[in-house]
N, C-alpha and C. Protein backbone atom coordinates (compact mmCIF):
# COMPACT_ATOMS: atom_id res chain seq x y z
N ASP A 1 -47.80 5.91 3.57
CA ASP A 1 -46.28 6.37 3.40
C ASP A 1 -45.55 6.00 4.32
N THR A 2 -44.63 5.16 3.79
CA THR A 2 -43.59 4.48 4.73
C THR A 2 -43.33 5.16 6.20
N GLN A 3 -42.71 6.17 5.71
CA GLN A 3 -42.07 7.03 6.78
C GLN A 3 -43.17 7.53 8.06
N ALA A 4 -44.40 7.73 7.54
CA ALA A 4 -45.45 8.27 8.38
C ALA A 4 -45.51 7.26 9.31
N ILE A 5 -46.00 5.65 8.67
CA ILE A 5 -46.36 4.60 9.46
C ILE A 5 -45.02 3.79 10.45
N LEU A 6 -44.00 4.24 10.32
CA LEU A 6 -43.03 3.80 10.73
C LEU A 6 -42.97 4.84 12.16
N TRP A 7 -42.95 6.16 11.72
CA TRP A 7 -42.62 7.25 12.90
C TRP A 7 -44.00 6.41 14.17
N LEU A 8 -45.43 6.20 13.35
CA LEU A 8 -46.73 5.62 14.47
C LEU A 8 -46.13 4.52 14.96
N LEU A 9 -45.33 3.50 14.32
CA LEU A 9 -44.88 2.30 14.91
C LEU A 9 -44.13 2.53 16.08
N LYS A 10 -43.25 3.40 15.79
CA LYS A 10 -42.30 3.93 17.09
C LYS A 10 -42.92 4.69 18.27
N HIS A 11 -43.78 5.47 17.86
CA HIS A 11 -44.93 5.82 19.09
C HIS A 11 -45.33 4.94 19.74
N SER A 12 -45.92 3.70 18.61
CA SER A 12 -46.77 2.84 19.98
C SER A 12 -46.24 2.33 19.99
N TYR A 13 -44.81 1.97 20.05
CA TYR A 13 -43.84 0.86 20.79
C TYR A 13 -43.66 1.61 22.06
N GLU A 14 -43.38 3.05 21.94
CA GLU A 14 -42.96 3.81 23.22
C GLU A 14 -44.29 3.91 23.97
N GLN A 15 -44.94 3.63 23.69
CA GLN A 15 -46.36 3.72 24.28
C GLN A 15 -46.83 2.26 25.09
N ARG A 16 -46.03 1.25 24.42
CA ARG A 16 -46.77 0.15 24.53
C ARG A 16 -48.00 -0.51 24.44
N ASP A 17 -48.45 0.08 23.12
CA ASP A 17 -49.68 -0.33 22.66
C ASP A 17 -49.56 -1.34 21.67
N TRP A 18 -49.67 -2.60 21.99
CA TRP A 18 -49.39 -3.62 21.33
C TRP A 18 -50.26 -3.67 20.10
N LYS A 19 -51.87 -3.04 19.69
CA LYS A 19 -52.71 -3.68 19.16
C LYS A 19 -51.94 -2.53 17.44
N GLY A 20 -51.55 -1.33 18.15
CA GLY A 20 -50.81 -0.15 17.21
C GLY A 20 -49.51 -1.23 16.59
N ILE A 21 -49.12 -1.56 17.29
CA ILE A 21 -47.86 -2.19 16.83
C ILE A 21 -48.04 -3.10 15.89
N VAL A 22 -49.13 -3.95 16.10
CA VAL A 22 -49.20 -5.30 15.28
C VAL A 22 -49.63 -4.72 14.14
N SER A 23 -50.98 -3.89 14.36
CA SER A 23 -51.49 -3.19 13.26
C SER A 23 -50.81 -2.67 11.90
N ARG A 24 -49.72 -1.55 12.43
CA ARG A 24 -48.82 -0.81 11.68
C ARG A 24 -47.44 -1.42 11.43
N SER A 25 -47.50 -3.04 11.99
CA SER A 25 -46.40 -3.68 11.29
C SER A 25 -47.04 -4.61 10.40
N ASP A 26 -48.13 -4.91 10.30
CA ASP A 26 -48.98 -5.83 9.19
C ASP A 26 -48.72 -4.82 7.98
N VAL A 27 -49.55 -3.55 8.29
CA VAL A 27 -49.37 -2.66 6.85
C VAL A 27 -48.21 -2.39 6.35
N LEU A 28 -47.04 -2.39 7.24
CA LEU A 28 -45.67 -1.80 6.73
C LEU A 28 -45.31 -3.47 6.27
N LEU A 29 -45.21 -4.40 6.69
CA LEU A 29 -44.58 -5.95 6.06
C LEU A 29 -45.48 -6.35 4.96
N ARG A 30 -46.88 -6.08 4.60
CA ARG A 30 -47.82 -6.21 3.47
C ARG A 30 -46.90 -5.60 2.48
N THR A 31 -47.06 -4.32 2.71
CA THR A 31 -46.25 -3.11 1.31
C THR A 31 -44.92 -2.90 1.22
N GLN A 32 -43.90 -3.04 2.39
CA GLN A 32 -42.67 -3.01 2.25
C GLN A 32 -41.78 -3.68 2.91
N THR A 33 -41.34 -4.62 1.98
CA THR A 33 -41.19 -5.94 2.71
C THR A 33 -39.44 -5.72 3.32
N ALA A 34 -39.06 -4.86 2.61
CA ALA A 34 -37.35 -4.28 3.02
C ALA A 34 -37.37 -3.40 4.46
N VAL A 35 -38.20 -3.24 4.76
CA VAL A 35 -38.58 -2.78 6.48
C VAL A 35 -38.23 -4.01 7.48
N GLN A 36 -38.26 -5.12 6.79
CA GLN A 36 -38.61 -6.40 8.18
C GLN A 36 -37.78 -6.28 8.90
N SER A 37 -36.45 -5.81 8.89
CA SER A 37 -35.34 -5.92 9.77
C SER A 37 -35.63 -4.73 10.82
N LEU A 38 -36.85 -3.73 10.69
CA LEU A 38 -37.02 -2.82 11.52
C LEU A 38 -38.35 -3.04 12.33
N VAL A 39 -38.91 -3.98 11.55
CA VAL A 39 -40.19 -4.68 12.04
C VAL A 39 -40.27 -5.53 12.93
N VAL A 40 -39.68 -6.54 12.74
CA VAL A 40 -39.62 -7.62 13.25
C VAL A 40 -39.29 -7.50 14.74
N PRO A 41 -38.28 -6.76 14.86
CA PRO A 41 -37.49 -6.65 16.29
C PRO A 41 -38.61 -6.20 17.39
N ALA A 42 -39.62 -5.21 16.92
CA ALA A 42 -41.01 -4.86 17.56
C ALA A 42 -41.99 -5.77 17.89
N LEU A 43 -42.15 -6.32 16.67
CA LEU A 43 -43.22 -7.87 16.75
C LEU A 43 -42.62 -8.43 17.97
N ALA A 44 -41.63 -8.80 18.03
CA ALA A 44 -40.83 -9.79 18.81
C ALA A 44 -40.85 -9.25 20.13
N ARG A 45 -40.97 -8.00 21.04
CA ARG A 45 -40.91 -7.73 21.92
C ARG A 45 -42.73 -7.85 22.16
N VAL A 46 -43.65 -7.65 21.30
CA VAL A 46 -44.86 -7.80 21.58
C VAL A 46 -45.29 -9.04 21.50
N ALA A 47 -44.59 -10.27 21.07
CA ALA A 47 -44.90 -11.61 21.50
C ALA A 47 -44.86 -12.03 22.75
N GLU A 48 -43.64 -11.56 23.20
CA GLU A 48 -42.99 -11.65 24.49
C GLU A 48 -43.76 -10.98 25.94
N ASP A 49 -44.87 -10.44 25.25
CA ASP A 49 -45.28 -9.89 26.55
C ASP A 49 -47.09 -10.61 26.10
N PRO A 50 -47.46 -11.06 27.52
CA PRO A 50 -48.71 -11.61 26.82
C PRO A 50 -50.12 -11.16 26.64
N LEU A 51 -50.18 -9.99 26.81
CA LEU A 51 -51.30 -8.95 26.39
C LEU A 51 -50.83 -8.47 24.82
N GLY A 52 -49.49 -8.60 24.68
CA GLY A 52 -49.09 -8.14 23.08
C GLY A 52 -49.55 -9.64 22.05
N ASN A 53 -48.80 -10.83 22.88
CA ASN A 53 -49.03 -11.88 22.39
C ASN A 53 -50.47 -12.11 21.81
N ALA A 54 -51.48 -11.72 22.72
CA ALA A 54 -52.96 -11.83 22.58
C ALA A 54 -53.11 -11.01 21.17
N GLU A 55 -52.41 -9.99 20.83
CA GLU A 55 -52.88 -9.12 19.98
C GLU A 55 -51.90 -10.13 18.52
N LEU A 56 -51.29 -10.46 18.67
CA LEU A 56 -50.23 -10.90 17.43
C LEU A 56 -51.05 -12.25 16.76
N GLN A 57 -51.10 -12.97 17.89
CA GLN A 57 -51.86 -14.44 17.39
C GLN A 57 -53.02 -14.32 16.45
N PRO A 58 -53.79 -13.67 16.55
CA PRO A 58 -55.02 -13.89 15.47
C PRO A 58 -54.43 -13.16 13.78
N VAL A 59 -53.33 -12.21 14.31
CA VAL A 59 -52.86 -11.89 12.53
C VAL A 59 -52.19 -12.65 12.13
N LEU A 60 -50.99 -13.50 13.25
CA LEU A 60 -50.71 -14.73 12.48
C LEU A 60 -51.68 -16.07 11.88
N ALA A 61 -52.55 -16.06 12.47
CA ALA A 61 -53.71 -16.82 12.88
C ALA A 61 -54.20 -16.78 11.06
N ALA A 62 -54.37 -15.67 10.55
CA ALA A 62 -54.75 -15.06 9.33
C ALA A 62 -53.96 -15.30 8.31
N ASN A 63 -52.80 -15.71 8.90
CA ASN A 63 -51.75 -16.56 7.74
C ASN A 63 -51.23 -15.00 6.52
N PRO A 64 -50.98 -14.01 7.06
CA PRO A 64 -50.77 -12.99 6.18
C PRO A 64 -49.24 -13.34 5.61
N PRO A 65 -49.23 -12.95 4.14
CA PRO A 65 -48.06 -12.85 3.80
C PRO A 65 -46.71 -12.56 3.98
N TRP A 66 -46.23 -12.42 4.70
CA TRP A 66 -45.23 -12.15 5.64
C TRP A 66 -44.69 -12.96 6.94
N ARG A 67 -45.67 -13.93 7.15
CA ARG A 67 -45.97 -14.73 8.25
C ARG A 67 -44.42 -15.69 7.87
N SER A 68 -44.34 -16.44 7.18
CA SER A 68 -42.99 -17.43 6.97
C SER A 68 -41.77 -16.72 6.99
N ALA A 69 -41.65 -15.20 6.55
CA ALA A 69 -40.56 -14.76 7.01
C ALA A 69 -40.48 -13.85 7.96
N PHE A 70 -41.49 -13.76 8.93
CA PHE A 70 -41.54 -13.73 10.33
C PHE A 70 -40.85 -14.60 10.95
N PHE A 71 -41.42 -15.63 10.69
CA PHE A 71 -40.93 -16.74 11.65
C PHE A 71 -39.59 -16.96 11.30
N GLN A 72 -39.08 -16.72 10.03
CA GLN A 72 -37.32 -17.32 9.82
C GLN A 72 -36.52 -16.32 10.58
N SER A 73 -36.94 -14.79 11.01
CA SER A 73 -36.13 -13.73 11.45
C SER A 73 -36.53 -13.80 13.24
N LEU A 74 -37.76 -14.38 13.47
CA LEU A 74 -37.87 -14.19 14.86
C LEU A 74 -36.89 -14.86 15.75
N PRO A 75 -36.37 -16.04 15.47
CA PRO A 75 -35.76 -16.53 16.89
C PRO A 75 -34.24 -15.36 16.97
N GLU A 76 -33.82 -14.75 16.03
CA GLU A 76 -32.68 -14.01 16.49
C GLU A 76 -32.92 -12.63 17.04
N ASN A 77 -34.28 -12.55 16.99
CA ASN A 77 -34.95 -11.22 17.40
C ASN A 77 -35.22 -11.32 19.07
N VAL A 78 -35.47 -12.43 19.82
CA VAL A 78 -36.38 -12.44 21.05
C VAL A 78 -35.02 -12.45 22.49
N ALA A 79 -35.92 -12.26 23.48
CA ALA A 79 -34.90 -12.13 24.54
C ALA A 79 -35.02 -13.55 25.15
N ASP A 80 -36.30 -13.94 24.65
CA ASP A 80 -36.88 -15.28 25.55
C ASP A 80 -36.92 -16.40 24.40
N TRP A 81 -36.08 -17.29 24.71
CA TRP A 81 -35.67 -18.53 23.53
C TRP A 81 -37.42 -19.22 23.32
N ARG A 82 -38.23 -19.22 24.38
CA ARG A 82 -39.57 -19.69 24.33
C ARG A 82 -40.55 -19.06 23.30
N THR A 83 -40.21 -18.06 23.11
CA THR A 83 -41.24 -17.09 22.35
C THR A 83 -42.04 -17.68 21.10
N PRO A 84 -40.66 -18.18 20.33
CA PRO A 84 -41.45 -18.77 19.18
C PRO A 84 -42.18 -19.91 19.02
N LEU A 85 -41.64 -20.67 20.33
CA LEU A 85 -42.58 -22.00 20.26
C LEU A 85 -44.00 -21.79 20.90
N ASN A 86 -43.86 -20.59 21.58
CA ASN A 86 -45.09 -20.12 22.19
C ASN A 86 -46.05 -19.76 21.25
N LEU A 87 -45.91 -19.22 20.27
CA LEU A 87 -46.58 -18.37 19.08
C LEU A 87 -46.93 -19.41 18.11
N LEU A 88 -45.79 -20.34 17.64
CA LEU A 88 -46.04 -21.72 17.08
C LEU A 88 -47.56 -22.31 17.47
N GLU A 89 -47.03 -22.78 18.88
CA GLU A 89 -47.98 -23.50 19.56
C GLU A 89 -49.22 -23.01 19.63
N GLY A 90 -49.60 -21.60 19.66
CA GLY A 90 -50.71 -20.88 19.37
C GLY A 90 -51.47 -21.05 18.42
N LEU A 91 -50.48 -21.53 17.24
CA LEU A 91 -51.22 -21.27 16.22
C LEU A 91 -51.77 -23.00 15.76
N LYS A 92 -51.17 -23.51 16.47
CA LYS A 92 -51.97 -25.04 15.95
C LYS A 92 -53.16 -25.21 15.86
N SER A 93 -54.38 -24.57 16.26
CA SER A 93 -55.30 -25.24 16.59
C SER A 93 -56.13 -24.27 15.68
N THR A 94 -55.52 -23.24 14.89
CA THR A 94 -56.18 -22.37 14.13
C THR A 94 -56.53 -22.76 12.51
N ALA A 95 -56.92 -22.09 11.69
CA ALA A 95 -57.46 -22.61 10.58
C ALA A 95 -56.55 -22.79 9.52
N THR A 96 -54.99 -22.11 10.09
CA THR A 96 -53.59 -21.96 9.33
C THR A 96 -52.19 -22.40 10.42
N PRO A 97 -52.79 -23.72 10.72
CA PRO A 97 -51.29 -24.06 11.64
C PRO A 97 -50.04 -23.88 11.07
N PRO A 98 -49.03 -23.73 11.87
CA PRO A 98 -47.76 -23.52 11.38
C PRO A 98 -47.30 -24.86 10.73
N THR A 99 -46.79 -24.68 9.54
CA THR A 99 -45.86 -25.68 8.90
C THR A 99 -44.56 -25.92 9.33
N GLN A 100 -43.94 -27.25 8.80
CA GLN A 100 -42.73 -27.84 9.27
C GLN A 100 -41.54 -26.39 8.79
N LYS A 101 -41.75 -25.91 7.61
CA LYS A 101 -41.07 -24.70 7.10
C LYS A 101 -41.49 -23.47 8.48
N ASP A 102 -42.32 -23.18 8.86
CA ASP A 102 -42.17 -22.02 10.11
C ASP A 102 -41.52 -22.80 11.05
N TYR A 103 -41.57 -23.96 11.95
CA TYR A 103 -41.06 -24.38 12.77
C TYR A 103 -39.34 -24.27 12.08
N ARG A 104 -38.63 -25.00 11.21
CA ARG A 104 -37.13 -25.10 10.98
C ARG A 104 -36.53 -24.05 11.12
N PRO A 105 -36.84 -22.26 11.32
CA PRO A 105 -35.84 -21.72 11.25
C PRO A 105 -35.30 -21.54 13.43
N TYR A 106 -36.70 -22.13 14.00
CA TYR A 106 -36.55 -21.65 15.49
C TYR A 106 -35.87 -22.96 15.54
N ILE A 107 -36.05 -24.26 15.44
CA ILE A 107 -35.35 -25.69 15.63
C ILE A 107 -33.74 -25.34 15.24
N SER A 108 -33.66 -24.75 14.27
CA SER A 108 -32.34 -24.55 13.45
C SER A 108 -31.51 -23.57 14.70
N PHE A 109 -32.13 -22.36 14.71
CA PHE A 109 -31.37 -21.49 16.34
C PHE A 109 -31.56 -22.18 17.38
N LEU A 110 -32.11 -23.10 17.77
CA LEU A 110 -31.90 -23.76 18.95
C LEU A 110 -30.78 -24.45 19.21
N ILE A 111 -30.38 -25.56 17.82
CA ILE A 111 -29.64 -26.44 17.46
C ILE A 111 -28.45 -25.78 17.42
N GLY A 112 -28.07 -24.25 16.85
CA GLY A 112 -27.08 -23.42 16.88
C GLY A 112 -26.25 -23.05 18.34
N LYS A 113 -27.59 -23.13 19.19
CA LYS A 113 -27.21 -22.46 20.47
C LYS A 113 -27.07 -24.27 21.55
N GLN A 114 -26.88 -24.54 20.60
CA GLN A 114 -26.95 -26.35 21.31
C GLN A 114 -27.64 -26.67 22.26
N ARG A 115 -29.28 -26.13 22.41
CA ARG A 115 -30.22 -26.19 22.60
C ARG A 115 -30.93 -27.32 22.21
N PHE A 116 -30.20 -28.52 22.09
CA PHE A 116 -31.07 -29.73 21.20
C PHE A 116 -32.21 -30.38 21.88
N ASP A 117 -32.42 -30.40 23.59
CA ASP A 117 -33.50 -30.92 24.35
C ASP A 117 -34.41 -30.08 23.79
N ILE A 118 -34.47 -29.05 23.68
CA ILE A 118 -35.43 -28.03 23.32
C ILE A 118 -35.84 -28.22 22.16
N ALA A 119 -34.58 -28.01 21.25
CA ALA A 119 -34.64 -28.13 19.76
C ALA A 119 -35.97 -29.73 19.24
N TYR A 120 -35.39 -30.52 20.04
CA TYR A 120 -36.24 -31.90 19.57
C TYR A 120 -37.45 -31.63 20.03
N TYR A 121 -38.03 -31.10 21.06
CA TYR A 121 -39.34 -31.36 21.45
C TYR A 121 -39.90 -29.89 20.49
N ALA A 122 -39.39 -29.16 20.11
CA ALA A 122 -40.00 -28.09 19.38
C ALA A 122 -40.10 -29.06 17.83
N TRP A 123 -39.03 -29.69 17.38
CA TRP A 123 -39.43 -30.60 16.45
C TRP A 123 -40.61 -31.91 16.41
N LEU A 124 -40.64 -32.47 17.85
CA LEU A 124 -41.77 -33.22 17.97
C LEU A 124 -42.96 -32.53 17.61
N GLN A 125 -43.63 -31.16 18.17
CA GLN A 125 -44.26 -30.40 18.16
C GLN A 125 -44.57 -30.40 16.22
N SER A 126 -43.73 -30.06 15.62
CA SER A 126 -44.08 -30.03 14.17
C SER A 126 -44.53 -30.99 13.37
N LEU A 127 -44.17 -32.14 14.11
CA LEU A 127 -44.91 -33.54 13.34
C LEU A 127 -46.36 -32.98 12.92
N PRO A 128 -46.78 -34.04 11.81
CA PRO A 128 -48.22 -33.90 11.63
C PRO A 128 -48.93 -34.87 12.33
N ALA A 129 -50.13 -34.47 12.59
CA ALA A 129 -50.71 -35.24 13.75
C ALA A 129 -50.89 -36.89 13.47
N GLY A 130 -50.63 -37.78 14.46
CA GLY A 130 -50.86 -39.16 14.07
C GLY A 130 -49.14 -39.25 14.16
N ARG A 131 -48.32 -38.52 13.27
CA ARG A 131 -46.62 -39.36 13.58
C ARG A 131 -45.94 -39.01 15.03
N LEU A 132 -46.37 -38.64 16.08
CA LEU A 132 -45.80 -38.66 17.23
C LEU A 132 -45.79 -39.93 17.77
N ALA A 133 -46.83 -40.68 17.85
CA ALA A 133 -46.90 -42.18 18.16
C ALA A 133 -45.62 -42.80 17.49
N GLU A 134 -45.18 -42.80 15.90
CA GLU A 134 -44.50 -43.10 15.60
C GLU A 134 -42.76 -43.26 15.94
N VAL A 135 -42.92 -42.40 16.55
CA VAL A 135 -41.13 -41.73 17.13
C VAL A 135 -40.80 -42.66 18.16
N GLY A 136 -39.48 -43.29 17.51
CA GLY A 136 -38.88 -44.44 18.42
C GLY A 136 -37.37 -43.80 18.04
N LEU A 137 -36.59 -44.69 18.72
CA LEU A 137 -35.12 -44.43 18.59
C LEU A 137 -34.46 -44.19 17.24
N LEU A 138 -35.59 -44.18 15.93
CA LEU A 138 -35.14 -44.09 14.84
C LEU A 138 -36.36 -43.79 14.10
N TYR A 139 -36.33 -42.25 13.78
CA TYR A 139 -37.70 -41.93 13.20
C TYR A 139 -37.77 -41.63 11.59
N ASN A 140 -38.97 -42.43 10.97
CA ASN A 140 -39.14 -42.76 9.75
C ASN A 140 -37.91 -43.78 9.21
N GLY A 141 -37.89 -44.68 9.86
CA GLY A 141 -36.56 -45.96 9.32
C GLY A 141 -36.88 -46.55 8.23
N ALA A 142 -38.12 -46.60 7.80
CA ALA A 142 -38.80 -47.16 6.78
C ALA A 142 -38.70 -46.53 5.46
N PHE A 143 -38.54 -44.92 5.80
CA PHE A 143 -38.92 -44.35 5.01
C PHE A 143 -40.22 -43.76 4.41
N LYS A 144 -41.05 -44.31 5.35
CA LYS A 144 -42.84 -44.18 5.03
C LYS A 144 -43.21 -43.12 4.65
N TYR A 145 -42.43 -41.94 5.06
CA TYR A 145 -42.58 -40.65 4.95
C TYR A 145 -41.58 -39.77 4.03
N PRO A 146 -42.21 -38.75 3.43
CA PRO A 146 -41.61 -37.87 2.37
C PRO A 146 -40.24 -37.57 3.47
N LEU A 147 -39.24 -37.30 2.68
CA LEU A 147 -38.20 -36.77 3.85
C LEU A 147 -38.27 -35.19 3.53
N THR A 148 -37.94 -34.73 4.81
CA THR A 148 -38.29 -33.48 5.19
C THR A 148 -37.32 -32.18 4.96
N ASP A 149 -35.87 -32.96 5.23
CA ASP A 149 -34.79 -32.24 5.30
C ASP A 149 -34.81 -31.20 7.31
N MET A 150 -35.77 -31.91 7.47
CA MET A 150 -36.26 -30.81 9.05
C MET A 150 -34.79 -31.72 10.11
N PRO A 151 -34.30 -30.94 10.88
CA PRO A 151 -33.48 -31.44 11.73
C PRO A 151 -34.16 -32.80 12.41
N PHE A 152 -33.53 -33.59 13.15
CA PHE A 152 -34.37 -34.56 13.82
C PHE A 152 -34.94 -35.82 12.68
N ASP A 153 -34.89 -35.51 11.61
CA ASP A 153 -35.52 -36.57 10.13
C ASP A 153 -34.23 -36.57 9.50
N TRP A 154 -34.65 -37.10 8.58
CA TRP A 154 -33.02 -37.44 7.24
C TRP A 154 -32.72 -36.75 6.62
N PHE A 155 -31.58 -36.60 6.83
CA PHE A 155 -30.85 -35.49 5.70
C PHE A 155 -29.88 -35.95 4.96
N ILE A 156 -30.42 -36.65 3.48
CA ILE A 156 -29.13 -37.32 2.71
C ILE A 156 -28.86 -36.38 1.64
N GLN A 157 -27.48 -36.55 1.46
CA GLN A 157 -27.15 -35.74 0.47
C GLN A 157 -25.98 -36.61 -0.49
N SER A 158 -26.04 -36.23 -1.50
CA SER A 158 -25.15 -36.92 -2.65
C SER A 158 -23.79 -36.41 -2.40
N GLY A 159 -22.78 -36.93 -2.90
CA GLY A 159 -21.54 -36.43 -2.45
C GLY A 159 -20.76 -36.91 -3.87
N PRO A 160 -19.62 -36.19 -4.11
CA PRO A 160 -18.61 -36.68 -5.14
C PRO A 160 -18.49 -37.92 -5.42
N GLY A 161 -18.94 -38.95 -6.29
CA GLY A 161 -18.24 -40.03 -6.74
C GLY A 161 -19.10 -41.12 -5.55
N SER A 162 -20.90 -40.23 -5.20
CA SER A 162 -21.71 -41.47 -4.60
C SER A 162 -23.22 -40.91 -5.49
N VAL A 163 -24.11 -42.02 -4.99
CA VAL A 163 -25.43 -41.97 -5.71
C VAL A 163 -26.07 -42.39 -3.97
N VAL A 164 -27.10 -41.67 -4.26
CA VAL A 164 -27.89 -41.74 -2.75
C VAL A 164 -28.96 -42.12 -3.55
N GLU A 165 -30.24 -43.38 -2.97
CA GLU A 165 -31.34 -43.34 -3.53
C GLU A 165 -32.15 -44.14 -2.49
N VAL A 166 -33.45 -43.59 -2.45
CA VAL A 166 -34.64 -43.82 -1.62
C VAL A 166 -35.66 -44.76 -2.32
N HIS A 167 -35.64 -46.03 -1.64
CA HIS A 167 -36.32 -47.04 -2.58
C HIS A 167 -37.65 -46.97 -1.71
N ASP A 168 -38.58 -47.01 -2.86
CA ASP A 168 -40.33 -46.68 -2.37
C ASP A 168 -41.17 -47.59 -3.07
N PHE A 169 -41.32 -48.88 -2.03
CA PHE A 169 -42.14 -49.79 -2.66
C PHE A 169 -41.81 -50.17 -3.90
N GLY A 170 -40.48 -50.81 -4.49
CA GLY A 170 -39.61 -51.04 -5.25
C GLY A 170 -39.35 -49.77 -6.43
N ALA A 171 -39.62 -48.41 -6.17
CA ALA A 171 -39.32 -47.84 -7.47
C ALA A 171 -38.48 -46.65 -6.82
N ALA A 172 -37.45 -47.02 -7.15
CA ALA A 172 -36.18 -46.08 -6.68
C ALA A 172 -36.09 -44.32 -7.21
N LYS A 173 -35.92 -43.87 -6.19
CA LYS A 173 -36.23 -41.95 -6.31
C LYS A 173 -34.61 -41.72 -6.14
N ALA A 174 -33.63 -40.99 -6.91
CA ALA A 174 -32.47 -40.83 -7.10
C ALA A 174 -32.89 -39.30 -5.99
N LEU A 175 -31.79 -39.21 -5.04
CA LEU A 175 -31.67 -37.94 -4.62
C LEU A 175 -30.75 -36.86 -4.95
């Protein structure tokens, strides 16, 4: 019963029962995606507390079906802008590390707040292993890697009256 679980979630929140908040949120987000706007703010508060973060990390590491949507709306629900990065960094050494898709909303949020230095640092953290050493004044200048549309990576768009192509080893790919 969604209403009962929401009531229990509210009660857990009032008691600062981080484990209860995380487990009830997990149930709600797996069964009732429409309640995300009610649940994510509570999980954001959990993530901002060190004890709560310790409860939330293992659930996120299990890659629940709502994880991507959670990272999408998390930046708008935190009081401390470092919280999403702390969660993402905590997942890097798990069996299901964060993807660039998980980082993208956070980086875009930071850019919107004109926190370019932190956004760039977060983008660097999102790079696959081994690519950090290749970052210079121009990342992926030879188009060695697929384009990601991530901030700080190439973002190429066609416009009226134009054609954009990226040549890969002699074979052109139209964008």
